[in-house]
Amino acid sequence: KEILARLELLSEDGEGKIYRDSSQNHFLYVVCPSTKQEYLLGVPARVREPQMTPSEARRWTFDVPNDTVFVREA
């Protein structure tokens, strides 16, 4: 939570949040639905487009299409 407090929140939806630091690095914040473990994942330049939602960035981390529906997570 201390790290998140130092970042700027850019967008959020039901699957996560996108943050930016003072050096213009972008991060995806997600919480594992089964373990409740929190993750802050670096997002590469090609995903930083303003229209990129946290849900789309999350799918990018799994290398699946944006219209993928997660049925069950383990």
C-alpha atoms as a PDB file:
ATOM      1  CA  LYS A   1       0.000   0.000   0.000  1.00  0.00           C
ATOM      2  CA  GLU A   2       2.954   2.323   0.642  1.00  0.00           C
ATOM      3  CA  ILE A   3       4.180   1.902  -2.925  1.00  0.00           C
ATOM      4  CA  LEU A   4       0.724   2.483  -4.393  1.00  0.00           C
ATOM      5  CA  ALA A   5       0.426   5.712  -2.408  1.00  0.00           C
ATOM      6  CA  ARG A   6       3.436   7.081  -4.326  1.00  0.00           C
ATOM      7  CA  LEU A   7       1.938   6.274  -7.743  1.00  0.00           C
ATOM      8  CA  GLU A   8      -0.616   8.125  -9.838  1.00  0.00           C
ATOM      9  CA  LEU A   9      -3.796   6.179 -10.563  1.00  0.00           C
ATOM     10  CA  LEU A  10      -4.639   6.437 -14.270  1.00  0.00           C
ATOM     11  CA  SER A  11      -7.562   4.039 -14.655  1.00  0.00           C
ATOM     12  CA  GLU A  12      -9.391   1.216 -12.949  1.00  0.00           C
ATOM     13  CA  ASP A  13     -12.080  -1.328 -13.636  1.00  0.00           C
ATOM     14  CA  GLY A  14     -13.353  -4.525 -12.038  1.00  0.00           C
ATOM     15  CA  GLU A  15     -10.156  -6.425 -12.861  1.00  0.00           C
ATOM     16  CA  GLY A  16      -7.417  -4.037 -11.794  1.00  0.00           C
ATOM     17  CA  LYS A  17      -5.836  -0.600 -11.827  1.00  0.00           C
ATOM     18  CA  ILE A  18      -3.215   1.089 -13.981  1.00  0.00           C
ATOM     19  CA  TYR A  19      -0.724   3.354 -12.221  1.00  0.00           C
ATOM     20  CA  ARG A  20       2.150   5.584 -13.357  1.00  0.00           C
ATOM     21  CA  ASP A  21       5.247   6.629 -11.417  1.00  0.00           C
ATOM     22  CA  SER A  22       7.207   9.894 -11.639  1.00  0.00           C
ATOM     23  CA  SER A  23       9.502   8.389 -14.312  1.00  0.00           C
ATOM     24  CA  GLN A  24       6.497   7.627 -16.549  1.00  0.00           C
ATOM     25  CA  ASN A  25       6.700   3.868 -15.935  1.00  0.00           C
ATOM     26  CA  HIS A  26       3.294   2.176 -15.967  1.00  0.00           C
ATOM     27  CA  PHE A  27       2.100  -0.663 -13.763  1.00  0.00           C
ATOM     28  CA  LEU A  28      -0.904  -2.961 -13.583  1.00  0.00           C
ATOM     29  CA  TYR A  29      -2.167  -3.671 -10.061  1.00  0.00           C
ATOM     30  CA  VAL A  30      -4.244  -6.825  -9.653  1.00  0.00           C
ATOM     31  CA  VAL A  31      -5.372  -9.079  -6.807  1.00  0.00           C
ATOM     32  CA  CYS A  32      -5.467 -12.849  -7.274  1.00  0.00           C
ATOM     33  CA  PRO A  33      -9.099 -13.922  -6.750  1.00  0.00           C
ATOM     34  CA  SER A  34      -8.171 -17.192  -5.047  1.00  0.00           C
ATOM     35  CA  THR A  35      -5.178 -16.273  -2.844  1.00  0.00           C
ATOM     36  CA  LYS A  36      -5.861 -12.516  -2.469  1.00  0.00           C
ATOM     37  CA  GLN A  37      -2.147 -11.941  -3.194  1.00  0.00           C
ATOM     38  CA  GLU A  38      -1.532  -8.451  -4.591  1.00  0.00           C
ATOM     39  CA  TYR A  39       0.627  -7.957  -7.688  1.00  0.00           C
ATOM     40  CA  LEU A  40       2.124  -4.854  -9.274  1.00  0.00           C
ATOM     41  CA  LEU A  41       3.197  -5.761 -12.806  1.00  0.00           C
ATOM     42  CA  GLY A  42       5.238  -3.599 -15.140  1.00  0.00           C
ATOM     43  CA  VAL A  43       3.421  -2.731 -18.349  1.00  0.00           C
ATOM     44  CA  PRO A  44       5.559  -2.289 -21.492  1.00  0.00           C
ATOM     45  CA  ALA A  45       5.386   0.765 -23.738  1.00  0.00           C
ATOM     46  CA  ARG A  46       3.107  -0.850 -26.321  1.00  0.00           C
ATOM     47  CA  VAL A  47       0.388  -1.388 -23.695  1.00  0.00           C
ATOM     48  CA  ARG A  48       0.457   2.165 -22.314  1.00  0.00           C
ATOM     49  CA  GLU A  49      -1.987   3.587 -24.827  1.00  0.00           C
ATOM     50  CA  PRO A  50      -4.669   5.753 -23.142  1.00  0.00           C
ATOM     51  CA  GLN A  51      -7.495   3.494 -24.312  1.00  0.00           C
ATOM     52  CA  MET A  52      -5.879   0.415 -22.732  1.00  0.00           C
ATOM     53  CA  THR A  53      -8.037  -0.660 -19.805  1.00  0.00           C
ATOM     54  CA  PRO A  54      -6.792  -2.636 -16.809  1.00  0.00           C
ATOM     55  CA  SER A  55      -8.821  -5.606 -18.099  1.00  0.00           C
ATOM     56  CA  GLU A  56      -7.035  -5.431 -21.461  1.00  0.00           C
ATOM     57  CA  ALA A  57      -3.649  -5.037 -19.762  1.00  0.00           C
ATOM     58  CA  ARG A  58      -4.436  -8.088 -17.619  1.00  0.00           C
ATOM     59  CA  ARG A  59      -5.189 -10.140 -20.700  1.00  0.00           C
ATOM     60  CA  TRP A  60      -1.922  -8.913 -22.210  1.00  0.00           C
ATOM     61  CA  THR A  61      -0.077 -10.447 -19.218  1.00  0.00           C
ATOM     62  CA  PHE A  62      -1.599 -13.822 -20.139  1.00  0.00           C
ATOM     63  CA  ASP A  63      -1.003 -13.261 -23.877  1.00  0.00           C
ATOM     64  CA  VAL A  64      -4.665 -13.849 -24.724  1.00  0.00           C
ATOM     65  CA  PRO A  65      -7.053 -11.777 -26.886  1.00  0.00           C
ATOM     66  CA  ASN A  66      -8.894  -8.835 -25.306  1.00  0.00           C
ATOM     67  CA  ASP A  67     -12.245 -10.594 -25.664  1.00  0.00           C
ATOM     68  CA  THR A  68     -11.113 -13.599 -23.596  1.00  0.00           C
ATOM     69  CA  VAL A  69     -13.489 -14.429 -20.740  1.00  0.00           C
ATOM     70  CA  PHE A  70     -11.896 -16.040 -17.709  1.00  0.00           C
ATOM     71  CA  VAL A  71     -14.167 -18.875 -16.622  1.00  0.00           C
ATOM     72  CA  ARG A  72     -12.323 -19.996 -13.517  1.00  0.00           C
ATOM     73  CA  GLU A  73      -9.077 -19.041 -11.883  1.00  0.00           C
ATOM     74  CA  ALA A  74      -6.991 -21.286  -9.682  1.00  0.00           C
END
